[in-house]
């Protein structure tokens, strides 16, 4: 692996870490707002999906931080952080889709 590629990989972790941390906060703020909806249909599970997404973002942020701090397994940790981050984005998409169908 060349030095340029290693620098690029570290750059990805430096983007995943703050973004994941911000999305943990956004999901945790959205959960009480969803609790204000009537507990029928889609609204009964949107808060659980958002909680799951926040846990995924927390894991992604932790792995991203670990990849910045370590050298031996940095690429593997960063790839895992990226995969988990994308899964968290998918969970947020499902929650938003459920919210849109609930409000329609």
C-alpha atoms as a PDB file:
ATOM      1  CA  UNK A   1       0.000   0.000   0.000  1.00  0.00           C
ATOM      2  CA  UNK A   2       1.436   3.364  -0.947  1.00  0.00           C
ATOM      3  CA  UNK A   3       1.619   6.303   1.391  1.00  0.00           C
ATOM      4  CA  UNK A   4      -0.941   8.251  -0.671  1.00  0.00           C
ATOM      5  CA  UNK A   5      -3.472   5.460  -0.387  1.00  0.00           C
ATOM      6  CA  UNK A   6      -2.907   5.221   3.381  1.00  0.00           C
ATOM      7  CA  UNK A   7      -3.484   8.966   3.699  1.00  0.00           C
ATOM      8  CA  UNK A   8      -6.692   8.709   1.668  1.00  0.00           C
ATOM      9  CA  UNK A   9      -7.980   5.904   3.886  1.00  0.00           C
ATOM     10  CA  UNK A  10      -7.290   7.953   7.019  1.00  0.00           C
ATOM     11  CA  UNK A  11      -9.204  10.775   5.385  1.00  0.00           C
ATOM     12  CA  UNK A  12     -12.304   8.590   5.114  1.00  0.00           C
ATOM     13  CA  UNK A  13     -12.238   7.806   8.830  1.00  0.00           C
ATOM     14  CA  UNK A  14     -11.931  11.475   9.636  1.00  0.00           C
ATOM     15  CA  UNK A  15     -15.210  12.001   7.747  1.00  0.00           C
ATOM     16  CA  UNK A  16     -17.067   8.968   9.112  1.00  0.00           C
ATOM     17  CA  UNK A  17     -16.296   9.754  12.756  1.00  0.00           C
ATOM     18  CA  UNK A  18     -17.931  13.216  13.069  1.00  0.00           C
ATOM     19  CA  UNK A  19     -20.775  12.345  10.731  1.00  0.00           C
ATOM     20  CA  UNK A  20     -21.638   9.208  12.710  1.00  0.00           C
ATOM     21  CA  UNK A  21     -21.471  11.130  15.967  1.00  0.00           C
ATOM     22  CA  UNK A  22     -23.819  13.795  14.611  1.00  0.00           C
ATOM     23  CA  UNK A  23     -26.263  11.184  13.338  1.00  0.00           C
ATOM     24  CA  UNK A  24     -26.317   9.473  16.753  1.00  0.00           C
ATOM     25  CA  UNK A  25     -27.481  12.783  18.208  1.00  0.00           C
ATOM     26  CA  UNK A  26     -30.016  13.341  15.435  1.00  0.00           C
ATOM     27  CA  UNK A  27     -31.546   9.891  15.933  1.00  0.00           C
ATOM     28  CA  UNK A  28     -31.658  10.344  19.695  1.00  0.00           C
ATOM     29  CA  UNK A  29     -33.441  13.691  19.249  1.00  0.00           C
ATOM     30  CA  UNK A  30     -35.910  12.227  16.754  1.00  0.00           C
ATOM     31  CA  UNK A  31     -36.977   9.329  19.000  1.00  0.00           C
ATOM     32  CA  UNK A  32     -38.920  11.506  21.507  1.00  0.00           C
ATOM     33  CA  UNK A  33     -40.520  13.410  18.639  1.00  0.00           C
ATOM     34  CA  UNK A  34     -41.767  10.153  17.123  1.00  0.00           C
ATOM     35  CA  UNK A  35     -43.193   9.229  20.535  1.00  0.00           C
ATOM     36  CA  UNK A  36     -45.592  12.171  20.139  1.00  0.00           C
ATOM     37  CA  UNK A  37     -47.255  10.446  17.165  1.00  0.00           C
ATOM     38  CA  UNK A  38     -50.279   8.229  17.737  1.00  0.00           C
ATOM     39  CA  UNK A  39     -49.072   4.672  18.388  1.00  0.00           C
ATOM     40  CA  UNK A  40     -50.833   3.110  15.424  1.00  0.00           C
ATOM     41  CA  UNK A  41     -49.526   1.604  12.226  1.00  0.00           C
ATOM     42  CA  UNK A  42     -45.985   2.541  11.286  1.00  0.00           C
ATOM     43  CA  UNK A  43     -45.384   4.781  14.310  1.00  0.00           C
ATOM     44  CA  UNK A  44     -45.277   1.787  16.631  1.00  0.00           C
ATOM     45  CA  UNK A  45     -41.865   0.699  15.321  1.00  0.00           C
ATOM     46  CA  UNK A  46     -40.258   3.876  13.945  1.00  0.00           C
ATOM     47  CA  UNK A  47     -38.665   4.715  17.292  1.00  0.00           C
ATOM     48  CA  UNK A  48     -37.141   1.225  17.516  1.00  0.00           C
ATOM     49  CA  UNK A  49     -35.684   1.562  14.025  1.00  0.00           C
ATOM     50  CA  UNK A  50     -34.208   4.943  14.980  1.00  0.00           C
ATOM     51  CA  UNK A  51     -32.737   3.435  18.150  1.00  0.00           C
ATOM     52  CA  UNK A  52     -31.185   0.642  16.063  1.00  0.00           C
ATOM     53  CA  UNK A  53     -29.791   3.238  13.641  1.00  0.00           C
ATOM     54  CA  UNK A  54     -28.261   5.232  16.486  1.00  0.00           C
ATOM     55  CA  UNK A  55     -26.558   2.079  17.784  1.00  0.00           C
ATOM     56  CA  UNK A  56     -25.200   1.409  14.298  1.00  0.00           C
ATOM     57  CA  UNK A  57     -23.862   4.967  14.075  1.00  0.00           C
ATOM     58  CA  UNK A  58     -22.291   4.619  17.524  1.00  0.00           C
ATOM     59  CA  UNK A  59     -20.544   1.419  16.436  1.00  0.00           C
ATOM     60  CA  UNK A  60     -19.425   3.101  13.221  1.00  0.00           C
ATOM     61  CA  UNK A  61     -17.984   6.066  15.117  1.00  0.00           C
ATOM     62  CA  UNK A  62     -16.163   3.739  17.513  1.00  0.00           C
ATOM     63  CA  UNK A  63     -14.639   1.696  14.704  1.00  0.00           C
ATOM     64  CA  UNK A  64     -13.696   4.839  12.824  1.00  0.00           C
ATOM     65  CA  UNK A  65     -11.944   6.215  15.893  1.00  0.00           C
ATOM     66  CA  UNK A  66     -10.149   2.913  16.390  1.00  0.00           C
ATOM     67  CA  UNK A  67      -8.985   2.935  12.762  1.00  0.00           C
ATOM     68  CA  UNK A  68      -7.499   6.410  13.229  1.00  0.00           C
ATOM     69  CA  UNK A  69      -5.691   5.384  16.418  1.00  0.00           C
ATOM     70  CA  UNK A  70      -4.280   2.053  15.209  1.00  0.00           C
ATOM     71  CA  UNK A  71      -1.940   1.253  12.358  1.00  0.00           C
ATOM     72  CA  UNK A  72      -1.983  -2.535  11.971  1.00  0.00           C
ATOM     73  CA  UNK A  73      -5.679  -3.081  11.304  1.00  0.00           C
ATOM     74  CA  UNK A  74      -6.663   0.433  10.269  1.00  0.00           C
ATOM     75  CA  UNK A  75      -7.964  -0.498   6.832  1.00  0.00           C
ATOM     76  CA  UNK A  76     -10.086  -3.397   8.099  1.00  0.00           C
ATOM     77  CA  UNK A  77     -11.549  -1.260  10.884  1.00  0.00           C
ATOM     78  CA  UNK A  78     -12.274   1.559   8.459  1.00  0.00           C
ATOM     79  CA  UNK A  79     -14.019  -0.776   6.016  1.00  0.00           C
ATOM     80  CA  UNK A  80     -16.144  -2.123   8.864  1.00  0.00           C
ATOM     81  CA  UNK A  81     -16.971   1.416   9.999  1.00  0.00           C
ATOM     82  CA  UNK A  82     -18.023   2.334   6.472  1.00  0.00           C
ATOM     83  CA  UNK A  83     -20.228  -0.751   6.104  1.00  0.00           C
ATOM     84  CA  UNK A  84     -21.937  -0.181   9.449  1.00  0.00           C
ATOM     85  CA  UNK A  85     -22.379   3.519   8.629  1.00  0.00           C
ATOM     86  CA  UNK A  86     -24.161   2.620   5.390  1.00  0.00           C
ATOM     87  CA  UNK A  87     -26.385   0.163   7.278  1.00  0.00           C
ATOM     88  CA  UNK A  88     -27.281   2.985   9.683  1.00  0.00           C
ATOM     89  CA  UNK A  89     -28.189   5.234   6.777  1.00  0.00           C
ATOM     90  CA  UNK A  90     -30.404   2.455   5.437  1.00  0.00           C
ATOM     91  CA  UNK A  91     -32.145   2.168   8.804  1.00  0.00           C
ATOM     92  CA  UNK A  92     -32.780   5.920   8.878  1.00  0.00           C
ATOM     93  CA  UNK A  93     -34.213   5.682   5.367  1.00  0.00           C
ATOM     94  CA  UNK A  94     -36.592   2.918   6.492  1.00  0.00           C
ATOM     95  CA  UNK A  95     -37.666   5.016   9.492  1.00  0.00           C
ATOM     96  CA  UNK A  96     -38.291   8.059   7.299  1.00  0.00           C
ATOM     97  CA  UNK A  97     -40.224   5.957   4.831  1.00  0.00           C
ATOM     98  CA  UNK A  98     -42.396   4.636   7.652  1.00  0.00           C
ATOM     99  CA  UNK A  99     -42.900   8.170   8.967  1.00  0.00           C
ATOM    100  CA  UNK A 100     -43.935   9.389   5.521  1.00  0.00           C
ATOM    101  CA  UNK A 101     -46.401   6.526   5.119  1.00  0.00           C
ATOM    102  CA  UNK A 102     -47.764   7.188   8.601  1.00  0.00           C
ATOM    103  CA  UNK A 103     -48.371  10.857   7.900  1.00  0.00           C
ATOM    104  CA  UNK A 104     -49.825  10.279   4.430  1.00  0.00           C
END
